[in-house]
C-alpha atoms as a PDB file:
ATOM      1  CA  MET A   1     -17.070  12.873  -1.847  1.00  0.00           C
ATOM      2  CA  ASP A   2     -14.901  11.194  -4.424  1.00  0.00           C
ATOM      3  CA  ILE A   3     -13.207   7.293  -4.561  1.00  0.00           C
ATOM      4  CA  SER A   4     -10.673   6.574  -7.052  1.00  0.00           C
ATOM      5  CA  TYR A   5      -8.871   3.984  -8.517  1.00  0.00           C
ATOM      6  CA  VAL A   6      -5.382   5.258 -10.468  1.00  0.00           C
ATOM      7  CA  GLY A   7      -3.140   2.831 -12.318  1.00  0.00           C
ATOM      8  CA  GLY A   8      -0.497   2.490 -15.184  1.00  0.00           C
ATOM      9  CA  ASP A   9       1.650  -0.114 -16.617  1.00  0.00           C
ATOM     10  CA  SER A  10       4.792   0.761 -18.447  1.00  0.00           C
ATOM     11  CA  ASN A  11       7.137  -1.736 -20.323  1.00  0.00           C
ATOM     12  CA  ASN A  12      10.069  -2.090 -22.124  1.00  0.00           C
ATOM     13  CA  ILE A  13      11.822   1.036 -20.189  1.00  0.00           C
ATOM     14  CA  ARG A  14      15.209   1.648 -21.032  1.00  0.00           C
ATOM     15  CA  LYS A  15      17.501  -0.014 -18.395  1.00  0.00           C
ATOM     16  CA  LEU A  16      21.413   0.683 -17.691  1.00  0.00           C
ATOM     17  CA  GLN A  17      23.105  -2.785 -17.716  1.00  0.00           C
ATOM     18  CA  PRO A  18      26.608  -3.452 -17.543  1.00  0.00           C
ATOM     19  CA  LEU A  19      28.726  -4.704 -20.778  1.00  0.00           C
ATOM     20  CA  ASN A  20      30.985  -7.185 -18.748  1.00  0.00           C
ATOM     21  CA  GLN A  21      29.216  -8.084 -15.867  1.00  0.00           C
ATOM     22  CA  GLY A  22      30.046 -11.852 -14.917  1.00  0.00           C
ATOM     23  CA  ARG A  23      28.180 -14.993 -14.769  1.00  0.00           C
ATOM     24  CA  LEU A  24      28.070 -17.193 -11.351  1.00  0.00           C
ATOM     25  CA  GLN A  25      28.677 -20.944 -12.483  1.00  0.00           C
ATOM     26  CA  SER A  26      27.449 -23.710 -10.473  1.00  0.00           C
ATOM     27  CA  ASP A  27      31.091 -24.479  -9.377  1.00  0.00           C
ATOM     28  CA  GLY A  28      31.834 -21.433  -7.666  1.00  0.00           C
ATOM     29  CA  SER A  29      33.737 -19.797 -10.676  1.00  0.00           C
ATOM     30  CA  VAL A  30      32.544 -16.535 -13.040  1.00  0.00           C
ATOM     31  CA  SER A  31      32.653 -16.000 -16.865  1.00  0.00           C
ATOM     32  CA  TYR A  32      32.968 -12.772 -18.193  1.00  0.00           C
ATOM     33  CA  PRO A  33      31.360 -12.192 -21.944  1.00  0.00           C
ATOM     34  CA  PHE A  34      34.317 -10.425 -22.931  1.00  0.00           C
ATOM     35  CA  PRO A  35      37.354 -12.423 -20.408  1.00  0.00           C
ATOM     36  CA  ASP A  36      40.281  -9.750 -22.430  1.00  0.00           C
ATOM     37  CA  TRP A  37      38.665  -6.844 -20.715  1.00  0.00           C
ATOM     38  CA  ALA A  38      37.941  -5.585 -17.213  1.00  0.00           C
ATOM     39  CA  ARG A  39      34.956  -3.546 -16.730  1.00  0.00           C
ATOM     40  CA  LEU A  40      33.310  -2.216 -19.478  1.00  0.00           C
ATOM     41  CA  SER A  41      30.483   1.099 -19.792  1.00  0.00           C
ATOM     42  CA  ASP A  42      27.140   0.283 -19.603  1.00  0.00           C
ATOM     43  CA  HIS A  43      24.360  -0.370 -22.439  1.00  0.00           C
ATOM     44  CA  LEU A  44      20.754   0.632 -22.489  1.00  0.00           C
ATOM     45  CA  ALA A  45      18.682  -2.040 -22.839  1.00  0.00           C
ATOM     46  CA  SER A  46      14.681  -1.531 -23.371  1.00  0.00           C
ATOM     47  CA  ASN A  47      13.617  -4.430 -20.914  1.00  0.00           C
ATOM     48  CA  GLY A  48      12.691  -2.660 -17.642  1.00  0.00           C
ATOM     49  CA  ASN A  49       9.006  -2.704 -16.714  1.00  0.00           C
ATOM     50  CA  SER A  50       7.260  -0.706 -13.566  1.00  0.00           C
ATOM     51  CA  ASN A  51       3.652  -0.130 -12.625  1.00  0.00           C
ATOM     52  CA  TYR A  52       1.323   2.241 -10.115  1.00  0.00           C
ATOM     53  CA  ASN A  53      -1.621   1.482  -8.397  1.00  0.00           C
ATOM     54  CA  ALA A  54      -3.672   3.720  -6.266  1.00  0.00           C
ATOM     55  CA  LEU A  55      -6.363   4.271  -4.130  1.00  0.00           C
ATOM     56  CA  GLN A  56      -7.436   8.020  -3.903  1.00  0.00           C
ATOM     57  CA  VAL A  57     -10.210   9.357  -1.673  1.00  0.00           C
ATOM     58  CA  SER A  58     -10.912  13.026  -1.341  1.00  0.00           C
ATOM     59  CA  LEU A  59     -13.656  14.983   0.381  1.00  0.00           C
ATOM     60  CA  ARG A  60     -14.210  18.435  -0.390  1.00  0.00           C
ATOM     61  CA  ARG A  61     -16.674  20.894   1.215  1.00  0.00           C
ATOM     62  CA  ALA A  62     -17.256  24.491  -0.466  1.00  0.00           C
ATOM     63  CA  MET A  63     -17.317  27.744   1.668  1.00  0.00           C
ATOM     64  CA  VAL A  64     -20.287  27.640   3.423  1.00  0.00           C
ATOM     65  CA  GLY A  65     -21.010  29.786   6.640  1.00  0.00           C
ATOM     66  CA  GLY A  66     -16.972  30.958   6.326  1.00  0.00           C
ATOM     67  CA  LEU A  67     -15.886  27.154   6.312  1.00  0.00           C
ATOM     68  CA  ALA A  68     -14.251  25.369   3.393  1.00  0.00           C
ATOM     69  CA  PHE A  69     -11.799  22.475   3.716  1.00  0.00           C
ATOM     70  CA  ASN A  70     -10.166  19.775   1.342  1.00  0.00           C
ATOM     71  CA  VAL A  71      -9.162  16.048   2.438  1.00  0.00           C
ATOM     72  CA  ASN A  72      -7.048  13.689   1.012  1.00  0.00           C
ATOM     73  CA  TYR A  73      -5.791  10.688   1.175  1.00  0.00           C
ATOM     74  CA  THR A  74      -3.820   8.141  -1.309  1.00  0.00           C
ATOM     75  CA  TRP A  75      -2.999   4.227  -0.424  1.00  0.00           C
ATOM     76  CA  SER A  76      -0.322   3.752  -3.717  1.00  0.00           C
ATOM     77  CA  LYS A  77       2.062   1.184  -4.744  1.00  0.00           C
ATOM     78  CA  ALA A  78       4.670   2.002  -7.184  1.00  0.00           C
ATOM     79  CA  LEU A  79       6.816  -0.734  -8.145  1.00  0.00           C
ATOM     80  CA  GLY A  80       9.312  -1.951 -10.825  1.00  0.00           C
ATOM     81  CA  ASP A  81      12.540  -3.279 -11.384  1.00  0.00           C
ATOM     82  CA  THR A  82      14.080   0.299 -13.266  1.00  0.00           C
ATOM     83  CA  GLN A  83      14.059   3.483 -12.947  1.00  0.00           C
ATOM     84  CA  ASP A  84      15.874   6.689 -15.286  1.00  0.00           C
ATOM     85  CA  ASN A  85      19.033   6.947 -15.243  1.00  0.00           C
ATOM     86  CA  LEU A  86      19.768  10.748 -14.770  1.00  0.00           C
ATOM     87  CA  SER A  87      18.712  10.178 -10.942  1.00  0.00           C
ATOM     88  CA  GLY A  88      20.604   8.521  -8.339  1.00  0.00           C
ATOM     89  CA  GLY A  89      18.287   7.398  -5.943  1.00  0.00           C
ATOM     90  CA  ALA A  90      21.510   6.149  -3.450  1.00  0.00           C
ATOM     91  CA  SER A  91      19.019   4.852  -0.922  1.00  0.00           C
ATOM     92  CA  ALA A  92      17.106   2.255  -3.355  1.00  0.00           C
ATOM     93  CA  ASN A  93      19.284   2.676  -6.626  1.00  0.00           C
ATOM     94  CA  LEU A  94      17.491   0.909  -9.391  1.00  0.00           C
ATOM     95  CA  VAL A  95      19.504   2.602 -12.048  1.00  0.00           C
ATOM     96  CA  ARG A  96      21.807  -0.872 -12.861  1.00  0.00           C
ATOM     97  CA  PRO A  97      21.071  -3.942 -11.576  1.00  0.00           C
ATOM     98  CA  GLN A  98      22.867  -6.175  -9.224  1.00  0.00           C
ATOM     99  CA  ASN A  99      22.924  -9.041 -11.462  1.00  0.00           C
ATOM    100  CA  ALA A 100      22.044  -8.712 -15.070  1.00  0.00           C
ATOM    101  CA  TYR A 101      21.659 -11.910 -15.527  1.00  0.00           C
ATOM    102  CA  ASP A 102      18.608 -12.186 -12.966  1.00  0.00           C
ATOM    103  CA  LEU A 103      16.540  -8.933 -13.547  1.00  0.00           C
ATOM    104  CA  ALA A 104      13.601 -10.048 -11.580  1.00  0.00           C
ATOM    105  CA  ALA A 105      15.524 -10.085  -8.318  1.00  0.00           C
ATOM    106  CA  ASP A 106      15.448  -6.513  -8.887  1.00  0.00           C
ATOM    107  CA  TYR A 107      11.536  -5.803  -8.755  1.00  0.00           C
ATOM    108  CA  GLY A 108      10.347  -4.031  -5.609  1.00  0.00           C
ATOM    109  CA  ARG A 109       9.621  -0.434  -4.576  1.00  0.00           C
ATOM    110  CA  LEU A 110      10.860   2.457  -6.874  1.00  0.00           C
ATOM    111  CA  VAL A 111      12.395   5.383  -5.098  1.00  0.00           C
ATOM    112  CA  PHE A 112       9.419   7.568  -5.235  1.00  0.00           C
ATOM    113  CA  ASP A 113       7.164   5.155  -3.839  1.00  0.00           C
ATOM    114  CA  GLN A 114       4.983   6.617  -1.286  1.00  0.00           C
ATOM    115  CA  THR A 115       2.200   3.970   0.555  1.00  0.00           C
ATOM    116  CA  HIS A 116       0.385   6.551   2.177  1.00  0.00           C
ATOM    117  CA  ARG A 117      -0.217  10.487   1.679  1.00  0.00           C
ATOM    118  CA  PHE A 118      -2.614  12.445   3.811  1.00  0.00           C
ATOM    119  CA  VAL A 119      -3.300  16.192   3.251  1.00  0.00           C
ATOM    120  CA  PHE A 120      -5.605  18.583   4.661  1.00  0.00           C
ATOM    121  CA  ASN A 121      -6.122  22.191   3.829  1.00  0.00           C
ATOM    122  CA  TRP A 122      -8.758  24.481   5.514  1.00  0.00           C
ATOM    123  CA  THR A 123      -9.891  28.005   5.253  1.00  0.00           C
ATOM    124  CA  TRP A 124     -11.944  29.579   7.876  1.00  0.00           C
ATOM    125  CA  ALA A 125     -13.513  33.308   8.468  1.00  0.00           C
ATOM    126  CA  ILE A 126     -13.867  33.380  11.889  1.00  0.00           C
ATOM    127  CA  PRO A 127     -17.342  34.561  12.753  1.00  0.00           C
ATOM    128  CA  PHE A 128     -18.195  37.363  15.019  1.00  0.00           C
ATOM    129  CA  PRO A 129     -21.643  39.442  15.744  1.00  0.00           C
ATOM    130  CA  ARG A 130     -21.943  41.841  12.586  1.00  0.00           C
ATOM    131  CA  ASP A 131     -23.822  44.285  14.978  1.00  0.00           C
ATOM    132  CA  SER A 132     -21.143  44.325  17.688  1.00  0.00           C
ATOM    133  CA  SER A 133     -19.631  47.594  18.634  1.00  0.00           C
ATOM    134  CA  ALA A 134     -16.097  45.861  18.382  1.00  0.00           C
ATOM    135  CA  ARG A 135     -16.545  44.419  14.851  1.00  0.00           C
ATOM    136  CA  HIS A 136     -13.972  46.436  13.225  1.00  0.00           C
ATOM    137  CA  VAL A 137     -11.348  44.429  15.951  1.00  0.00           C
ATOM    138  CA  LEU A 138     -13.068  41.424  16.146  1.00  0.00           C
ATOM    139  CA  GLY A 139     -14.090  40.775  12.549  1.00  0.00           C
ATOM    140  CA  GLY A 140     -12.385  39.829   9.654  1.00  0.00           C
ATOM    141  CA  TRP A 141     -10.023  37.224  10.724  1.00  0.00           C
ATOM    142  CA  GLN A 142      -9.286  34.261   8.686  1.00  0.00           C
ATOM    143  CA  PHE A 143      -7.332  31.367   9.853  1.00  0.00           C
ATOM    144  CA  ASN A 144      -6.347  28.683   7.160  1.00  0.00           C
ATOM    145  CA  GLY A 145      -3.702  25.885   7.132  1.00  0.00           C
ATOM    146  CA  ILE A 146      -2.369  23.079   5.115  1.00  0.00           C
ATOM    147  CA  TRP A 147      -1.390  19.698   7.247  1.00  0.00           C
ATOM    148  CA  SER A 148       0.422  17.252   4.954  1.00  0.00           C
ATOM    149  CA  SER A 149       1.933  13.672   6.218  1.00  0.00           C
ATOM    150  CA  THR A 150       3.619  11.030   4.350  1.00  0.00           C
ATOM    151  CA  SER A 151       4.804   7.611   4.897  1.00  0.00           C
ATOM    152  CA  GLY A 152       8.875   6.997   4.578  1.00  0.00           C
ATOM    153  CA  ALA A 153      10.594   6.496   1.177  1.00  0.00           C
ATOM    154  CA  PRO A 154      12.152   3.181   0.292  1.00  0.00           C
ATOM    155  CA  ILE A 155      15.647   2.119   1.819  1.00  0.00           C
ATOM    156  CA  GLY A 156      17.565  -0.368  -0.083  1.00  0.00           C
ATOM    157  CA  ILE A 157      20.406  -1.860   2.091  1.00  0.00           C
ATOM    158  CA  ARG A 158      23.624  -1.677  -0.153  1.00  0.00           C
ATOM    159  CA  GLY A 159      27.015  -3.674   0.636  1.00  0.00           C
ATOM    160  CA  PRO A 160      30.324  -4.412  -1.090  1.00  0.00           C
ATOM    161  CA  ASP A 161      30.400  -6.468  -3.958  1.00  0.00           C
ATOM    162  CA  ARG A 162      31.249 -10.150  -3.285  1.00  0.00           C
ATOM    163  CA  SER A 163      29.902 -12.024  -6.114  1.00  0.00           C
ATOM    164  CA  ARG A 164      33.802 -11.671  -8.098  1.00  0.00           C
ATOM    165  CA  THR A 165      31.076 -10.464 -10.958  1.00  0.00           C
ATOM    166  CA  ARG A 166      31.721  -6.630 -11.064  1.00  0.00           C
ATOM    167  CA  SER A 167      28.373  -5.917  -9.599  1.00  0.00           C
ATOM    168  CA  GLN A 168      27.733  -2.315  -9.769  1.00  0.00           C
ATOM    169  CA  ASN A 169      24.553  -2.075  -7.576  1.00  0.00           C
ATOM    170  CA  ALA A 170      25.278  -5.117  -4.839  1.00  0.00           C
ATOM    171  CA  ARG A 171      23.044  -5.411  -2.038  1.00  0.00           C
ATOM    172  CA  ALA A 172      23.704  -6.678   1.360  1.00  0.00           C
ATOM    173  CA  ASP A 173      22.150  -9.977   3.101  1.00  0.00           C
ATOM    174  CA  CYS A 174      19.057  -9.518   5.282  1.00  0.00           C
ATOM    175  CA  ILE A 175      19.286 -12.122   8.185  1.00  0.00           C
ATOM    176  CA  GLY A 176      16.801 -10.980  10.802  1.00  0.00           C
ATOM    177  CA  ASN A 177      14.337  -8.561  12.276  1.00  0.00           C
ATOM    178  CA  PRO A 178      15.028  -5.039  10.561  1.00  0.00           C
ATOM    179  CA  ALA A 179      12.631  -3.343  13.473  1.00  0.00           C
ATOM    180  CA  GLY A 180      14.463  -0.837  15.401  1.00  0.00           C
ATOM    181  CA  PRO A 181      14.542   2.030  17.974  1.00  0.00           C
ATOM    182  CA  ARG A 182      13.804   4.605  14.833  1.00  0.00           C
ATOM    183  CA  THR A 183      16.312   7.151  16.433  1.00  0.00           C
ATOM    184  CA  VAL A 184      18.620   9.278  14.595  1.00  0.00           C
ATOM    185  CA  GLU A 185      21.493   7.825  15.755  1.00  0.00           C
ATOM    186  CA  GLN A 186      19.690   3.989  14.941  1.00  0.00           C
ATOM    187  CA  PHE A 187      16.925   4.263  12.876  1.00  0.00           C
ATOM    188  CA  PHE A 188      16.511   0.242  12.446  1.00  0.00           C
ATOM    189  CA  ASN A 189      18.164  -3.152  13.626  1.00  0.00           C
ATOM    190  CA  THR A 190      21.618  -2.663  12.059  1.00  0.00           C
ATOM    191  CA  SER A 191      22.707  -6.316  13.158  1.00  0.00           C
ATOM    192  CA  ALA A 192      19.594  -7.726  10.858  1.00  0.00           C
ATOM    193  CA  PHE A 193      21.752  -6.987   7.972  1.00  0.00           C
ATOM    194  CA  ALA A 194      25.342  -8.553   7.190  1.00  0.00           C
ATOM    195  CA  ILE A 195      27.402  -8.394   3.887  1.00  0.00           C
ATOM    196  CA  SER A 196      26.729 -11.311   1.455  1.00  0.00           C
ATOM    197  CA  GLN A 197      29.098 -14.007   1.310  1.00  0.00           C
ATOM    198  CA  ASN A 198      31.661 -14.747  -0.680  1.00  0.00           C
ATOM    199  CA  GLY A 199      30.751 -15.586  -4.635  1.00  0.00           C
ATOM    200  CA  THR A 200      27.198 -14.748  -3.704  1.00  0.00           C
ATOM    201  CA  PHE A 201      24.637 -11.834  -4.404  1.00  0.00           C
ATOM    202  CA  GLY A 202      22.429 -10.002  -1.667  1.00  0.00           C
ATOM    203  CA  SER A 203      19.524 -11.741  -0.626  1.00  0.00           C
ATOM    204  CA  CYS A 204      18.082  -8.396   0.641  1.00  0.00           C
ATOM    205  CA  GLY A 205      15.409  -6.676  -1.974  1.00  0.00           C
ATOM    206  CA  VAL A 206      15.491  -3.605  -3.522  1.00  0.00           C
ATOM    207  CA  ALA A 207      13.290  -1.415  -0.814  1.00  0.00           C
ATOM    208  CA  ALA A 208      13.930  -3.631   2.465  1.00  0.00           C
ATOM    209  CA  LEU A 209      12.853  -0.727   4.690  1.00  0.00           C
ATOM    210  CA  SER A 210      10.814   2.390   4.680  1.00  0.00           C
ATOM    211  CA  GLY A 211      12.506   5.978   5.642  1.00  0.00           C
ATOM    212  CA  TRP A 212      11.449   8.339   8.005  1.00  0.00           C
ATOM    213  CA  PRO A 213       7.206   9.453   7.573  1.00  0.00           C
ATOM    214  CA  HIS A 214       6.904  13.272   6.785  1.00  0.00           C
ATOM    215  CA  HIS A 215       4.560  15.393   8.515  1.00  0.00           C
ATOM    216  CA  ASN A 216       4.293  19.446   8.189  1.00  0.00           C
ATOM    217  CA  PHE A 217       2.240  21.896   9.304  1.00  0.00           C
ATOM    218  CA  ASP A 218       1.666  25.644   7.478  1.00  0.00           C
ATOM    219  CA  LEU A 219      -0.408  27.759   9.095  1.00  0.00           C
ATOM    220  CA  SER A 220      -1.335  31.580   8.591  1.00  0.00           C
ATOM    221  CA  LEU A 221      -3.543  34.190   9.706  1.00  0.00           C
ATOM    222  CA  PHE A 222      -5.047  36.980   8.236  1.00  0.00           C
ATOM    223  CA  LYS A 223      -7.084  40.058   9.022  1.00  0.00           C
ATOM    224  CA  ASN A 224      -8.726  42.000   6.501  1.00  0.00           C
ATOM    225  CA  PHE A 225      -9.532  45.826   6.985  1.00  0.00           C
ATOM    226  CA  GLY A 226     -11.955  47.293   4.976  1.00  0.00           C
ATOM    227  CA  LEU A 227     -11.169  50.570   3.448  1.00  0.00           C
ATOM    228  CA  GLY A 228     -13.773  53.302   2.933  1.00  0.00           C
ATOM    229  CA  PHE A 229     -13.103  54.872  -0.055  1.00  0.00           C
ATOM    230  CA  SER A 230     -14.109  51.564  -2.155  1.00  0.00           C
ATOM    231  CA  GLU A 231     -16.023  48.372  -1.574  1.00  0.00           C
ATOM    232  CA  ASP A 232     -13.770  46.179  -3.093  1.00  0.00           C
ATOM    233  CA  ALA A 233     -10.289  47.904  -1.920  1.00  0.00           C
ATOM    234  CA  LYS A 234      -9.316  46.326   1.438  1.00  0.00           C
ATOM    235  CA  LEU A 235      -6.085  46.040   3.485  1.00  0.00           C
ATOM    236  CA  GLN A 236      -4.465  42.289   4.684  1.00  0.00           C
ATOM    237  CA  MET A 237      -2.551  41.604   6.917  1.00  0.00           C
ATOM    238  CA  ARG A 238      -0.852  38.239   7.340  1.00  0.00           C
ATOM    239  CA  TRP A 239       1.158  36.400   9.969  1.00  0.00           C
ATOM    240  CA  GLU A 240       2.398  32.747   7.941  1.00  0.00           C
ATOM    241  CA  PHE A 241       4.207  29.790   9.557  1.00  0.00           C
ATOM    242  CA  PHE A 242       5.362  27.273   7.400  1.00  0.00           C
ATOM    243  CA  ASN A 243       6.337  24.299   9.049  1.00  0.00           C
ATOM    244  CA  ALA A 244       4.703  25.690  11.971  1.00  0.00           C
ATOM    245  CA  PHE A 245       5.802  22.979  14.522  1.00  0.00           C
ATOM    246  CA  ASN A 246       9.483  23.116  13.432  1.00  0.00           C
ATOM    247  CA  THR A 247       9.262  19.371  12.935  1.00  0.00           C
ATOM    248  CA  PRO A 248      12.327  18.137  11.465  1.00  0.00           C
ATOM    249  CA  GLN A 249      12.210  16.422   8.025  1.00  0.00           C
ATOM    250  CA  PHE A 250      15.230  13.488   8.062  1.00  0.00           C
ATOM    251  CA  ASP A 251      16.497  12.198   5.033  1.00  0.00           C
ATOM    252  CA  ASN A 252      16.817   8.122   5.048  1.00  0.00           C
ATOM    253  CA  PRO A 253      19.617   7.001   6.903  1.00  0.00           C
ATOM    254  CA  GLU A 254      23.315   5.587   5.788  1.00  0.00           C
ATOM    255  CA  ASN A 255      21.989   2.298   4.127  1.00  0.00           C
ATOM    256  CA  ARG A 256      25.590   0.740   3.278  1.00  0.00           C
ATOM    257  CA  VAL A 257      26.149  -2.181   5.351  1.00  0.00           C
ATOM    258  CA  HIS A 258      30.181  -1.411   5.620  1.00  0.00           C
ATOM    259  CA  ASN A 259      29.689   2.268   6.277  1.00  0.00           C
ATOM    260  CA  GLY A 260      30.649   3.079   9.962  1.00  0.00           C
ATOM    261  CA  ARG A 261      27.564   5.247   9.601  1.00  0.00           C
ATOM    262  CA  PHE A 262      25.434   2.385   8.906  1.00  0.00           C
ATOM    263  CA  GLY A 263      21.607   3.327  10.139  1.00  0.00           C
ATOM    264  CA  ARG A 264      22.356   6.575  11.345  1.00  0.00           C
ATOM    265  CA  THR A 265      20.972   9.545   9.823  1.00  0.00           C
ATOM    266  CA  THR A 266      23.237  12.593   9.110  1.00  0.00           C
ATOM    267  CA  ARG A 267      21.100  14.689   6.746  1.00  0.00           C
ATOM    268  CA  VAL A 268      17.771  16.695   6.499  1.00  0.00           C
ATOM    269  CA  LEU A 269      16.067  16.520   3.109  1.00  0.00           C
ATOM    270  CA  ASP A 270      16.016  20.000   2.090  1.00  0.00           C
ATOM    271  CA  PRO A 271      18.976  21.864   4.256  1.00  0.00           C
ATOM    272  CA  LEU A 272      17.478  25.058   3.387  1.00  0.00           C
ATOM    273  CA  ARG A 273      13.918  24.800   4.596  1.00  0.00           C
ATOM    274  CA  GLU A 274      15.175  22.613   7.816  1.00  0.00           C
ATOM    275  CA  ALA A 275      13.659  25.043  10.510  1.00  0.00           C
ATOM    276  CA  ARG A 276      10.238  27.170  11.165  1.00  0.00           C
ATOM    277  CA  VAL A 277      10.014  30.131   8.946  1.00  0.00           C
ATOM    278  CA  ILE A 278       7.744  33.050  10.061  1.00  0.00           C
ATOM    279  CA  GLN A 279       6.868  35.707   8.043  1.00  0.00           C
ATOM    280  CA  PHE A 280       4.507  38.957   8.226  1.00  0.00           C
ATOM    281  CA  GLY A 281       3.239  41.066   5.271  1.00  0.00           C
ATOM    282  CA  LEU A 282       0.470  43.520   4.098  1.00  0.00           C
ATOM    283  CA  LYS A 283      -1.308  42.887   1.034  1.00  0.00           C
ATOM    284  CA  PHE A 284      -3.468  45.777  -0.384  1.00  0.00           C
ATOM    285  CA  ILE A 285      -6.539  44.060  -2.269  1.00  0.00           C
ATOM    286  CA  PHE A 286      -8.447  46.262  -4.737  1.00  0.00           C
END
């Protein structure tokens, strides 16, 4: 068994910031750095920060009595106020700030944060009586599997810009308990969020919720046949089941409070592998 702590801290990361976002004044008015211009392009500033902390536990068993396995669990937290500007991350976008003059309000879970991750893989050479007359039928079987479970990715609840500052990443207001039915039609309590008031920024954090957890089982069954002309040569029949229990891998639900599909799940993570895949193969080993 291994128990480890893994941590990292990054500072002065590049972050896209708007050149001409307005600043809210105490009297409710908005002033712009370049008042004679409308929305200008972004500039790269080196003022982003992030950190990662994780507890990692692993348990390994070498092949003994035909059984070997690995169990791995990670509890982690990835936090920061920026992400690289080449990957959008629509559900928790930190490419641009909500308010360029309050970067601390953008600090929260990063788009790739996964609080819990569990992976269990095994290989089991199914035992049989070696002196049995049926050893050619009952022997040589091997059962393998990989079970992985991951908690949901962050969801940032977004909304239209009501600050009048030309915010490029406006968020909604959090006004209630977001706990909901967790169904495809309504993943969270949509009434817990609202469009922000005029002249204000959204009160929700950059990652107010977590999306769908993901569970997957890949299983395989092998049968090995010895070949008489060589001790090392054998023929292996393989039955492999990817996503064996046909578990849907949902993407995050719609996160824009002003969208008619707000809270609804409309897509899967990988459309090319959304269902169970079964394949059969023959392998000659020599």
